[in-house]
Amino acid sequence: MATVVVLNKAQMGGGSEELGRKILATCLRKLPAAFPDLEALVLFNGGALLATNDSFVAQELTMLHDRGVEMLVCGTCVDFFGIRERLLFDPPSNMDAILAAMAKADKVVTI
């Protein structure tokens, strides 16, 4: 069963930003064990900011990418935030690819 995880903000939850960042980093490290069938991460809106070389979760995202998880970073978001030159994963994606990955997944989980 294929899983796609969606990250639409630069933290987990809506309370403390510091706590949200800490638990997001932990969550990303534990994703492969929780979802061994993880095929892709979709990063859009504030989540796109996570996919930069200076992100607090750059190491965790690189680890997932190295394990074969596809990184679908919204190109419109990349341009909006002006982060193209700092992207960990090039090229950025587009809405067609993001929707196709979500449509073919057996499970889509939004964090």
PDB file of N, CA and C in Angstrom:
ATOM      1  N   MET A   1       0.835  -1.170   0.000  1.00  0.00           N
ATOM      2  CA  MET A   1       0.000   0.000   0.000  1.00  0.00           C
ATOM      3  C   MET A   1       0.887   1.242   0.000  1.00  0.00           C
ATOM      4  N   ALA A   2       0.799   2.068  -1.005  1.00  0.00           N
ATOM      5  CA  ALA A   2       1.635   3.263  -1.153  1.00  0.00           C
ATOM      6  C   ALA A   2       1.086   4.418  -0.326  1.00  0.00           C
ATOM      7  N   THR A   3       2.007   5.113   0.362  1.00  0.00           N
ATOM      8  CA  THR A   3       1.633   6.249   1.209  1.00  0.00           C
ATOM      9  C   THR A   3       2.326   7.509   0.711  1.00  0.00           C
ATOM     10  N   VAL A   4       1.584   8.607   0.736  1.00  0.00           N
ATOM     11  CA  VAL A   4       2.116   9.936   0.460  1.00  0.00           C
ATOM     12  C   VAL A   4       1.854  10.773   1.705  1.00  0.00           C
ATOM     13  N   VAL A   5       2.873  11.483   2.175  1.00  0.00           N
ATOM     14  CA  VAL A   5       2.739  12.371   3.329  1.00  0.00           C
ATOM     15  C   VAL A   5       2.806  13.808   2.840  1.00  0.00           C
ATOM     16  N   VAL A   6       1.882  14.628   3.325  1.00  0.00           N
ATOM     17  CA  VAL A   6       1.779  16.032   2.941  1.00  0.00           C
ATOM     18  C   VAL A   6       2.216  16.906   4.106  1.00  0.00           C
ATOM     19  N   LEU A   7       3.134  17.820   3.830  1.00  0.00           N
ATOM     20  CA  LEU A   7       3.569  18.824   4.803  1.00  0.00           C
ATOM     21  C   LEU A   7       3.198  20.194   4.237  1.00  0.00           C
ATOM     22  N   ASN A   8       2.276  20.877   4.894  1.00  0.00           N
ATOM     23  CA  ASN A   8       1.816  22.162   4.368  1.00  0.00           C
ATOM     24  C   ASN A   8       2.175  23.347   5.255  1.00  0.00           C
ATOM     25  N   LYS A   9       2.999  23.077   6.263  1.00  0.00           N
ATOM     26  CA  LYS A   9       3.503  24.164   7.095  1.00  0.00           C
ATOM     27  C   LYS A   9       4.865  23.764   7.640  1.00  0.00           C
ATOM     28  N   ALA A  10       5.581  24.719   8.181  1.00  0.00           N
ATOM     29  CA  ALA A  10       6.969  24.486   8.607  1.00  0.00           C
ATOM     30  C   ALA A  10       7.067  24.053  10.059  1.00  0.00           C
ATOM     31  N   GLN A  11       6.007  23.477  10.577  1.00  0.00           N
ATOM     32  CA  GLN A  11       6.011  22.917  11.921  1.00  0.00           C
ATOM     33  C   GLN A  11       4.878  21.909  12.005  1.00  0.00           C
ATOM     34  N   MET A  12       4.846  21.153  13.080  1.00  0.00           N
ATOM     35  CA  MET A  12       3.779  20.189  13.297  1.00  0.00           C
ATOM     36  C   MET A  12       2.843  20.761  14.345  1.00  0.00           C
ATOM     37  N   GLY A  13       1.583  20.862  14.022  1.00  0.00           N
ATOM     38  CA  GLY A  13       0.606  21.430  14.939  1.00  0.00           C
ATOM     39  C   GLY A  13       0.537  22.934  14.842  1.00  0.00           C
ATOM     40  N   GLY A  14      -0.325  23.510  15.635  1.00  0.00           N
ATOM     41  CA  GLY A  14      -0.561  24.941  15.524  1.00  0.00           C
ATOM     42  C   GLY A  14      -0.235  25.737  16.769  1.00  0.00           C
ATOM     43  N   GLY A  15       0.350  25.138  17.782  1.00  0.00           N
ATOM     44  CA  GLY A  15       0.682  25.867  19.005  1.00  0.00           C
ATOM     45  C   GLY A  15       2.058  26.474  18.933  1.00  0.00           C
ATOM     46  N   SER A  16       2.894  26.098  19.849  1.00  0.00           N
ATOM     47  CA  SER A  16       4.248  26.624  19.941  1.00  0.00           C
ATOM     48  C   SER A  16       5.051  26.273  18.693  1.00  0.00           C
ATOM     49  N   GLU A  17       5.653  27.282  18.076  1.00  0.00           N
ATOM     50  CA  GLU A  17       6.490  27.041  16.894  1.00  0.00           C
ATOM     51  C   GLU A  17       7.717  26.217  17.264  1.00  0.00           C
ATOM     52  N   GLU A  18       8.332  26.519  18.394  1.00  0.00           N
ATOM     53  CA  GLU A  18       9.517  25.777  18.826  1.00  0.00           C
ATOM     54  C   GLU A  18       9.187  24.299  19.038  1.00  0.00           C
ATOM     55  N   LEU A  19       8.095  24.037  19.722  1.00  0.00           N
ATOM     56  CA  LEU A  19       7.677  22.654  19.950  1.00  0.00           C
ATOM     57  C   LEU A  19       7.276  21.990  18.638  1.00  0.00           C
ATOM     58  N   GLY A  20       6.564  22.719  17.796  1.00  0.00           N
ATOM     59  CA  GLY A  20       6.144  22.187  16.506  1.00  0.00           C
ATOM     60  C   GLY A  20       7.303  21.775  15.624  1.00  0.00           C
ATOM     61  N   ARG A  21       8.383  22.527  15.659  1.00  0.00           N
ATOM     62  CA  ARG A  21       9.588  22.184  14.893  1.00  0.00           C
ATOM     63  C   ARG A  21      10.252  20.938  15.469  1.00  0.00           C
ATOM     64  N   LYS A  22      10.328  20.878  16.781  1.00  0.00           N
ATOM     65  CA  LYS A  22      10.974  19.736  17.426  1.00  0.00           C
ATOM     66  C   LYS A  22      10.225  18.436  17.124  1.00  0.00           C
ATOM     67  N   ILE A  23       8.914  18.446  17.257  1.00  0.00           N
ATOM     68  CA  ILE A  23       8.174  17.206  17.019  1.00  0.00           C
ATOM     69  C   ILE A  23       8.100  16.861  15.540  1.00  0.00           C
ATOM     70  N   LEU A  24       8.166  17.865  14.659  1.00  0.00           N
ATOM     71  CA  LEU A  24       8.212  17.563  13.229  1.00  0.00           C
ATOM     72  C   LEU A  24       9.505  16.842  12.875  1.00  0.00           C
ATOM     73  N   ALA A  25      10.628  17.299  13.395  1.00  0.00           N
ATOM     74  CA  ALA A  25      11.908  16.641  13.122  1.00  0.00           C
ATOM     75  C   ALA A  25      11.871  15.190  13.604  1.00  0.00           C
ATOM     76  N   THR A  26      11.321  14.970  14.785  1.00  0.00           N
ATOM     77  CA  THR A  26      11.191  13.606  15.304  1.00  0.00           C
ATOM     78  C   THR A  26      10.282  12.777  14.408  1.00  0.00           C
ATOM     79  N   CYS A  27       9.172  13.335  14.006  1.00  0.00           N
ATOM     80  CA  CYS A  27       8.230  12.635  13.130  1.00  0.00           C
ATOM     81  C   CYS A  27       8.895  12.223  11.824  1.00  0.00           C
ATOM     82  N   LEU A  28       9.658  13.118  11.213  1.00  0.00           N
ATOM     83  CA  LEU A  28      10.310  12.800   9.943  1.00  0.00           C
ATOM     84  C   LEU A  28      11.328  11.670  10.105  1.00  0.00           C
ATOM     85  N   ARG A  29      12.023  11.648  11.232  1.00  0.00           N
ATOM     86  CA  ARG A  29      12.981  10.569  11.481  1.00  0.00           C
ATOM     87  C   ARG A  29      12.274   9.222  11.639  1.00  0.00           C
ATOM     88  N   LYS A  30      11.071   9.229  12.163  1.00  0.00           N
ATOM     89  CA  LYS A  30      10.346   7.997  12.442  1.00  0.00           C
ATOM     90  C   LYS A  30       9.418   7.563  11.308  1.00  0.00           C
ATOM     91  N   LEU A  31       9.244   8.377  10.298  1.00  0.00           N
ATOM     92  CA  LEU A  31       8.337   8.044   9.188  1.00  0.00           C
ATOM     93  C   LEU A  31       8.625   6.697   8.523  1.00  0.00           C
ATOM     94  N   PRO A  32       9.881   6.366   8.219  1.00  0.00           N
ATOM     95  CA  PRO A  32      10.123   5.093   7.532  1.00  0.00           C
ATOM     96  C   PRO A  32       9.647   3.875   8.326  1.00  0.00           C
ATOM     97  N   ALA A  33       9.747   3.922   9.632  1.00  0.00           N
ATOM     98  CA  ALA A  33       9.276   2.797  10.443  1.00  0.00           C
ATOM     99  C   ALA A  33       7.751   2.751  10.482  1.00  0.00           C
ATOM    100  N   ALA A  34       7.125   3.914  10.564  1.00  0.00           N
ATOM    101  CA  ALA A  34       5.672   3.982  10.628  1.00  0.00           C
ATOM    102  C   ALA A  34       5.014   3.695   9.280  1.00  0.00           C
ATOM    103  N   PHE A  35       5.680   4.121   8.205  1.00  0.00           N
ATOM    104  CA  PHE A  35       5.149   3.953   6.851  1.00  0.00           C
ATOM    105  C   PHE A  35       6.229   3.368   5.955  1.00  0.00           C
ATOM    106  N   PRO A  36       6.474   2.061   6.049  1.00  0.00           N
ATOM    107  CA  PRO A  36       7.521   1.453   5.222  1.00  0.00           C
ATOM    108  C   PRO A  36       7.230   1.562   3.721  1.00  0.00           C
ATOM    109  N   ASP A  37       5.987   1.860   3.384  1.00  0.00           N
ATOM    110  CA  ASP A  37       5.571   1.998   1.993  1.00  0.00           C
ATOM    111  C   ASP A  37       5.547   3.461   1.544  1.00  0.00           C
ATOM    112  N   LEU A  38       6.228   4.336   2.292  1.00  0.00           N
ATOM    113  CA  LEU A  38       6.239   5.765   1.975  1.00  0.00           C
ATOM    114  C   LEU A  38       6.869   5.993   0.605  1.00  0.00           C
ATOM    115  N   GLU A  39       6.097   6.572  -0.295  1.00  0.00           N
ATOM    116  CA  GLU A  39       6.586   6.821  -1.661  1.00  0.00           C
ATOM    117  C   GLU A  39       6.982   8.259  -1.898  1.00  0.00           C
ATOM    118  N   ALA A  40       6.254   9.192  -1.271  1.00  0.00           N
ATOM    119  CA  ALA A  40       6.519  10.599  -1.576  1.00  0.00           C
ATOM    120  C   ALA A  40       6.154  11.490  -0.409  1.00  0.00           C
ATOM    121  N   LEU A  41       6.872  12.609  -0.331  1.00  0.00           N
ATOM    122  CA  LEU A  41       6.511  13.719   0.542  1.00  0.00           C
ATOM    123  C   LEU A  41       6.099  14.862  -0.365  1.00  0.00           C
ATOM    124  N   VAL A  42       4.970  15.455  -0.066  1.00  0.00           N
ATOM    125  CA  VAL A  42       4.504  16.643  -0.774  1.00  0.00           C
ATOM    126  C   VAL A  42       4.724  17.822   0.156  1.00  0.00           C
ATOM    127  N   LEU A  43       5.445  18.816  -0.317  1.00  0.00           N
ATOM    128  CA  LEU A  43       5.728  20.002   0.490  1.00  0.00           C
ATOM    129  C   LEU A  43       5.193  21.226  -0.234  1.00  0.00           C
ATOM    130  N   PHE A  44       4.173  21.850   0.353  1.00  0.00           N
ATOM    131  CA  PHE A  44       3.625  23.046  -0.269  1.00  0.00           C
ATOM    132  C   PHE A  44       3.335  24.104   0.788  1.00  0.00           C
ATOM    133  N   ASN A  45       3.063  25.319   0.321  1.00  0.00           N
ATOM    134  CA  ASN A  45       2.887  26.484   1.171  1.00  0.00           C
ATOM    135  C   ASN A  45       4.059  26.550   2.149  1.00  0.00           C
ATOM    136  N   GLY A  46       3.835  26.719   3.430  1.00  0.00           N
ATOM    137  CA  GLY A  46       4.934  26.817   4.389  1.00  0.00           C
ATOM    138  C   GLY A  46       5.798  25.573   4.442  1.00  0.00           C
ATOM    139  N   GLY A  47       5.250  24.426   4.058  1.00  0.00           N
ATOM    140  CA  GLY A  47       6.023  23.192   4.027  1.00  0.00           C
ATOM    141  C   GLY A  47       7.158  23.238   3.016  1.00  0.00           C
ATOM    142  N   ALA A  48       7.004  24.019   1.966  1.00  0.00           N
ATOM    143  CA  ALA A  48       8.070  24.147   0.962  1.00  0.00           C
ATOM    144  C   ALA A  48       9.336  24.738   1.581  1.00  0.00           C
ATOM    145  N   LEU A  49       9.171  25.559   2.600  1.00  0.00           N
ATOM    146  CA  LEU A  49      10.330  26.167   3.271  1.00  0.00           C
ATOM    147  C   LEU A  49      11.209  25.126   3.956  1.00  0.00           C
ATOM    148  N   LEU A  50      10.661  23.955   4.211  1.00  0.00           N
ATOM    149  CA  LEU A  50      11.434  22.886   4.847  1.00  0.00           C
ATOM    150  C   LEU A  50      12.468  22.284   3.907  1.00  0.00           C
ATOM    151  N   ALA A  51      12.269  22.417   2.615  1.00  0.00           N
ATOM    152  CA  ALA A  51      13.096  21.735   1.611  1.00  0.00           C
ATOM    153  C   ALA A  51      14.291  22.565   1.163  1.00  0.00           C
ATOM    154  N   THR A  52      14.835  23.369   2.075  1.00  0.00           N
ATOM    155  CA  THR A  52      16.004  24.180   1.740  1.00  0.00           C
ATOM    156  C   THR A  52      17.232  23.648   2.465  1.00  0.00           C
ATOM    157  N   ASN A  53      18.394  23.988   1.933  1.00  0.00           N
ATOM    158  CA  ASN A  53      19.638  23.476   2.521  1.00  0.00           C
ATOM    159  C   ASN A  53      19.912  24.040   3.915  1.00  0.00           C
ATOM    160  N   ASP A  54      19.213  25.096   4.319  1.00  0.00           N
ATOM    161  CA  ASP A  54      19.400  25.664   5.656  1.00  0.00           C
ATOM    162  C   ASP A  54      18.217  25.380   6.584  1.00  0.00           C
ATOM    163  N   SER A  55      17.366  24.464   6.186  1.00  0.00           N
ATOM    164  CA  SER A  55      16.200  24.099   6.982  1.00  0.00           C
ATOM    165  C   SER A  55      16.603  23.296   8.209  1.00  0.00           C
ATOM    166  N   PHE A  56      15.835  23.427   9.274  1.00  0.00           N
ATOM    167  CA  PHE A  56      16.109  22.669  10.499  1.00  0.00           C
ATOM    168  C   PHE A  56      15.854  21.175  10.319  1.00  0.00           C
ATOM    169  N   VAL A  57      15.191  20.776   9.231  1.00  0.00           N
ATOM    170  CA  VAL A  57      14.964  19.352   8.947  1.00  0.00           C
ATOM    171  C   VAL A  57      15.647  18.916   7.642  1.00  0.00           C
ATOM    172  N   ALA A  58      16.638  19.656   7.202  1.00  0.00           N
ATOM    173  CA  ALA A  58      17.349  19.293   5.966  1.00  0.00           C
ATOM    174  C   ALA A  58      17.929  17.888   6.056  1.00  0.00           C
ATOM    175  N   GLN A  59      18.503  17.547   7.191  1.00  0.00           N
ATOM    176  CA  GLN A  59      19.104  16.222   7.370  1.00  0.00           C
ATOM    177  C   GLN A  59      18.039  15.122   7.301  1.00  0.00           C
ATOM    178  N   GLU A  60      16.900  15.337   7.935  1.00  0.00           N
ATOM    179  CA  GLU A  60      15.833  14.341   7.939  1.00  0.00           C
ATOM    180  C   GLU A  60      15.253  14.150   6.540  1.00  0.00           C
ATOM    181  N   LEU A  61      15.044  15.255   5.822  1.00  0.00           N
ATOM    182  CA  LEU A  61      14.505  15.152   4.454  1.00  0.00           C
ATOM    183  C   LEU A  61      15.507  14.479   3.523  1.00  0.00           C
ATOM    184  N   THR A  62      16.781  14.788   3.677  1.00  0.00           N
ATOM    185  CA  THR A  62      17.815  14.152   2.856  1.00  0.00           C
ATOM    186  C   THR A  62      17.865  12.654   3.125  1.00  0.00           C
ATOM    187  N   MET A  63      17.723  12.262   4.369  1.00  0.00           N
ATOM    188  CA  MET A  63      17.694  10.844   4.728  1.00  0.00           C
ATOM    189  C   MET A  63      16.530  10.142   4.042  1.00  0.00           C
ATOM    190  N   LEU A  64      15.364  10.753   4.058  1.00  0.00           N
ATOM    191  CA  LEU A  64      14.198  10.164   3.395  1.00  0.00           C
ATOM    192  C   LEU A  64      14.420  10.076   1.886  1.00  0.00           C
ATOM    193  N   HIS A  65      14.953  11.132   1.305  1.00  0.00           N
ATOM    194  CA  HIS A  65      15.238  11.156  -0.130  1.00  0.00           C
ATOM    195  C   HIS A  65      16.226  10.050  -0.498  1.00  0.00           C
ATOM    196  N   ASP A  66      17.260   9.885   0.321  1.00  0.00           N
ATOM    197  CA  ASP A  66      18.264   8.850   0.068  1.00  0.00           C
ATOM    198  C   ASP A  66      17.677   7.443   0.182  1.00  0.00           C
ATOM    199  N   ARG A  67      16.578   7.312   0.902  1.00  0.00           N
ATOM    200  CA  ARG A  67      15.876   6.023   1.023  1.00  0.00           C
ATOM    201  C   ARG A  67      14.911   5.790  -0.134  1.00  0.00           C
ATOM    202  N   GLY A  68      14.841   6.747  -1.058  1.00  0.00           N
ATOM    203  CA  GLY A  68      13.994   6.578  -2.231  1.00  0.00           C
ATOM    204  C   GLY A  68      12.647   7.274  -2.174  1.00  0.00           C
ATOM    205  N   VAL A  69      12.423   8.077  -1.136  1.00  0.00           N
ATOM    206  CA  VAL A  69      11.169   8.823  -1.039  1.00  0.00           C
ATOM    207  C   VAL A  69      11.242  10.018  -1.992  1.00  0.00           C
ATOM    208  N   GLU A  70      10.262  10.126  -2.862  1.00  0.00           N
ATOM    209  CA  GLU A  70      10.207  11.234  -3.815  1.00  0.00           C
ATOM    210  C   GLU A  70       9.827  12.519  -3.086  1.00  0.00           C
ATOM    211  N   MET A  71      10.544  13.598  -3.364  1.00  0.00           N
ATOM    212  CA  MET A  71      10.272  14.894  -2.755  1.00  0.00           C
ATOM    213  C   MET A  71       9.572  15.782  -3.784  1.00  0.00           C
ATOM    214  N   LEU A  72       8.300  16.055  -3.547  1.00  0.00           N
ATOM    215  CA  LEU A  72       7.507  16.875  -4.451  1.00  0.00           C
ATOM    216  C   LEU A  72       7.298  18.244  -3.809  1.00  0.00           C
ATOM    217  N   VAL A  73       8.192  19.164  -4.138  1.00  0.00           N
ATOM    218  CA  VAL A  73       8.164  20.513  -3.578  1.00  0.00           C
ATOM    219  C   VAL A  73       7.463  21.425  -4.582  1.00  0.00           C
ATOM    220  N   CYS A  74       6.401  22.061  -4.148  1.00  0.00           N
ATOM    221  CA  CYS A  74       5.577  22.918  -5.010  1.00  0.00           C
ATOM    222  C   CYS A  74       6.409  24.038  -5.637  1.00  0.00           C
ATOM    223  N   GLY A  75       6.494  24.048  -6.958  1.00  0.00           N
ATOM    224  CA  GLY A  75       7.263  25.064  -7.680  1.00  0.00           C
ATOM    225  C   GLY A  75       6.702  26.460  -7.526  1.00  0.00           C
ATOM    226  N   THR A  76       5.380  26.589  -7.504  1.00  0.00           N
ATOM    227  CA  THR A  76       4.760  27.903  -7.303  1.00  0.00           C
ATOM    228  C   THR A  76       5.135  28.446  -5.934  1.00  0.00           C
ATOM    229  N   CYS A  77       5.153  27.569  -4.927  1.00  0.00           N
ATOM    230  CA  CYS A  77       5.534  27.969  -3.563  1.00  0.00           C
ATOM    231  C   CYS A  77       7.005  28.354  -3.505  1.00  0.00           C
ATOM    232  N   VAL A  78       7.847  27.591  -4.187  1.00  0.00           N
ATOM    233  CA  VAL A  78       9.279  27.884  -4.250  1.00  0.00           C
ATOM    234  C   VAL A  78       9.495  29.288  -4.794  1.00  0.00           C
ATOM    235  N   ASP A  79       8.816  29.608  -5.886  1.00  0.00           N
ATOM    236  CA  ASP A  79       8.952  30.938  -6.478  1.00  0.00           C
ATOM    237  C   ASP A  79       8.365  32.023  -5.580  1.00  0.00           C
ATOM    238  N   PHE A  80       7.236  31.740  -4.955  1.00  0.00           N
ATOM    239  CA  PHE A  80       6.595  32.715  -4.067  1.00  0.00           C
ATOM    240  C   PHE A  80       7.532  33.093  -2.921  1.00  0.00           C
ATOM    241  N   PHE A  81       8.177  32.086  -2.315  1.00  0.00           N
ATOM    242  CA  PHE A  81       9.069  32.330  -1.181  1.00  0.00           C
ATOM    243  C   PHE A  81      10.489  32.703  -1.611  1.00  0.00           C
ATOM    244  N   GLY A  82      10.797  32.606  -2.902  1.00  0.00           N
ATOM    245  CA  GLY A  82      12.126  32.977  -3.395  1.00  0.00           C
ATOM    246  C   GLY A  82      13.230  32.071  -2.871  1.00  0.00           C
ATOM    247  N   ILE A  83      12.974  30.763  -2.856  1.00  0.00           N
ATOM    248  CA  ILE A  83      13.932  29.824  -2.262  1.00  0.00           C
ATOM    249  C   ILE A  83      14.558  28.871  -3.280  1.00  0.00           C
ATOM    250  N   ARG A  84      14.350  29.110  -4.544  1.00  0.00           N
ATOM    251  CA  ARG A  84      14.828  28.181  -5.578  1.00  0.00           C
ATOM    252  C   ARG A  84      16.327  27.890  -5.463  1.00  0.00           C
ATOM    253  N   GLU A  85      17.142  28.888  -5.205  1.00  0.00           N
ATOM    254  CA  GLU A  85      18.595  28.691  -5.148  1.00  0.00           C
ATOM    255  C   GLU A  85      19.038  27.941  -3.899  1.00  0.00           C
ATOM    256  N   ARG A  86      18.132  27.755  -2.925  1.00  0.00           N
ATOM    257  CA  ARG A  86      18.476  27.045  -1.689  1.00  0.00           C
ATOM    258  C   ARG A  86      17.830  25.662  -1.587  1.00  0.00           C
ATOM    259  N   LEU A  87      17.172  25.222  -2.663  1.00  0.00           N
ATOM    260  CA  LEU A  87      16.453  23.946  -2.621  1.00  0.00           C
ATOM    261  C   LEU A  87      17.396  22.759  -2.465  1.00  0.00           C
ATOM    262  N   LEU A  88      16.983  21.823  -1.633  1.00  0.00           N
ATOM    263  CA  LEU A  88      17.711  20.558  -1.483  1.00  0.00           C
ATOM    264  C   LEU A  88      17.460  19.631  -2.669  1.00  0.00           C
ATOM    265  N   PHE A  89      16.266  19.711  -3.225  1.00  0.00           N
ATOM    266  CA  PHE A  89      15.836  18.776  -4.256  1.00  0.00           C
ATOM    267  C   PHE A  89      15.397  19.549  -5.493  1.00  0.00           C
ATOM    268  N   ASP A  90      16.103  19.310  -6.569  1.00  0.00           N
ATOM    269  CA  ASP A  90      15.846  20.046  -7.802  1.00  0.00           C
ATOM    270  C   ASP A  90      15.488  19.053  -8.891  1.00  0.00           C
ATOM    271  N   PRO A  91      14.582  19.319  -9.744  1.00  0.00           N
ATOM    272  CA  PRO A  91      13.805  20.556  -9.850  1.00  0.00           C
ATOM    273  C   PRO A  91      12.585  20.511  -8.933  1.00  0.00           C
ATOM    274  N   PRO A  92      11.988  21.679  -8.682  1.00  0.00           N
ATOM    275  CA  PRO A  92      10.730  21.687  -7.939  1.00  0.00           C
ATOM    276  C   PRO A  92       9.660  20.963  -8.749  1.00  0.00           C
ATOM    277  N   SER A  93       8.607  20.610  -8.083  1.00  0.00           N
ATOM    278  CA  SER A  93       7.525  19.873  -8.721  1.00  0.00           C
ATOM    279  C   SER A  93       6.442  20.845  -9.204  1.00  0.00           C
ATOM    280  N   ASN A  94       5.322  20.290  -9.597  1.00  0.00           N
ATOM    281  CA  ASN A  94       4.185  21.107 -10.019  1.00  0.00           C
ATOM    282  C   ASN A  94       2.904  20.430  -9.551  1.00  0.00           C
ATOM    283  N   MET A  95       1.795  21.129  -9.659  1.00  0.00           N
ATOM    284  CA  MET A  95       0.533  20.618  -9.143  1.00  0.00           C
ATOM    285  C   MET A  95       0.095  19.348  -9.861  1.00  0.00           C
ATOM    286  N   ASP A  96       0.396  19.209 -11.146  1.00  0.00           N
ATOM    287  CA  ASP A  96       0.029  17.984 -11.858  1.00  0.00           C
ATOM    288  C   ASP A  96       0.708  16.766 -11.240  1.00  0.00           C
ATOM    289  N   ALA A  97       2.008  16.873 -10.963  1.00  0.00           N
ATOM    290  CA  ALA A  97       2.746  15.753 -10.366  1.00  0.00           C
ATOM    291  C   ALA A  97       2.295  15.493  -8.932  1.00  0.00           C
ATOM    292  N   ILE A  98       2.021  16.553  -8.198  1.00  0.00           N
ATOM    293  CA  ILE A  98       1.563  16.408  -6.811  1.00  0.00           C
ATOM    294  C   ILE A  98       0.219  15.694  -6.780  1.00  0.00           C
ATOM    295  N   LEU A  99      -0.712  16.133  -7.597  1.00  0.00           N
ATOM    296  CA  LEU A  99      -2.031  15.499  -7.625  1.00  0.00           C
ATOM    297  C   LEU A  99      -1.958  14.070  -8.131  1.00  0.00           C
ATOM    298  N   ALA A 100      -1.093  13.805  -9.100  1.00  0.00           N
ATOM    299  CA  ALA A 100      -0.941  12.439  -9.609  1.00  0.00           C
ATOM    300  C   ALA A 100      -0.420  11.507  -8.517  1.00  0.00           C
ATOM    301  N   ALA A 101       0.552  11.967  -7.736  1.00  0.00           N
ATOM    302  CA  ALA A 101       1.093  11.144  -6.645  1.00  0.00           C
ATOM    303  C   ALA A 101       0.020  10.878  -5.594  1.00  0.00           C
ATOM    304  N   MET A 102      -0.754  11.882  -5.277  1.00  0.00           N
ATOM    305  CA  MET A 102      -1.807  11.716  -4.285  1.00  0.00           C
ATOM    306  C   MET A 102      -2.910  10.799  -4.803  1.00  0.00           C
ATOM    307  N   ALA A 103      -3.241  10.921  -6.075  1.00  0.00           N
ATOM    308  CA  ALA A 103      -4.312  10.109  -6.655  1.00  0.00           C
ATOM    309  C   ALA A 103      -3.938   8.629  -6.715  1.00  0.00           C
ATOM    310  N   LYS A 104      -2.674   8.324  -6.973  1.00  0.00           N
ATOM    311  CA  LYS A 104      -2.272   6.917  -7.083  1.00  0.00           C
ATOM    312  C   LYS A 104      -1.958   6.274  -5.735  1.00  0.00           C
ATOM    313  N   ALA A 105      -1.820   7.106  -4.690  1.00  0.00           N
ATOM    314  CA  ALA A 105      -1.506   6.581  -3.353  1.00  0.00           C
ATOM    315  C   ALA A 105      -2.714   5.859  -2.767  1.00  0.00           C
ATOM    316  N   ASP A 106      -2.417   4.830  -2.000  1.00  0.00           N
ATOM    317  CA  ASP A 106      -3.469   4.145  -1.256  1.00  0.00           C
ATOM    318  C   ASP A 106      -3.862   4.954  -0.019  1.00  0.00           C
ATOM    319  N   LYS A 107      -2.895   5.746   0.461  1.00  0.00           N
ATOM    320  CA  LYS A 107      -3.112   6.521   1.675  1.00  0.00           C
ATOM    321  C   LYS A 107      -2.382   7.849   1.558  1.00  0.00           C
ATOM    322  N   VAL A 108      -3.073   8.956   1.897  1.00  0.00           N
ATOM    323  CA  VAL A 108      -2.467  10.284   1.950  1.00  0.00           C
ATOM    324  C   VAL A 108      -2.613  10.786   3.380  1.00  0.00           C
ATOM    325  N   VAL A 109      -1.477  11.107   3.996  1.00  0.00           N
ATOM    326  CA  VAL A 109      -1.457  11.550   5.390  1.00  0.00           C
ATOM    327  C   VAL A 109      -0.948  12.982   5.421  1.00  0.00           C
ATOM    328  N   THR A 110      -1.729  13.879   6.013  1.00  0.00           N
ATOM    329  CA  THR A 110      -1.316  15.277   6.161  1.00  0.00           C
ATOM    330  C   THR A 110      -0.832  15.492   7.585  1.00  0.00           C
ATOM    331  N   ILE A 111       0.383  16.032   7.687  1.00  0.00           N
ATOM    332  CA  ILE A 111       0.960  16.307   9.002  1.00  0.00           C
ATOM    333  C   ILE A 111       0.955  17.808   9.227  1.00  0.00           C
TER     334      ILE A 111
END
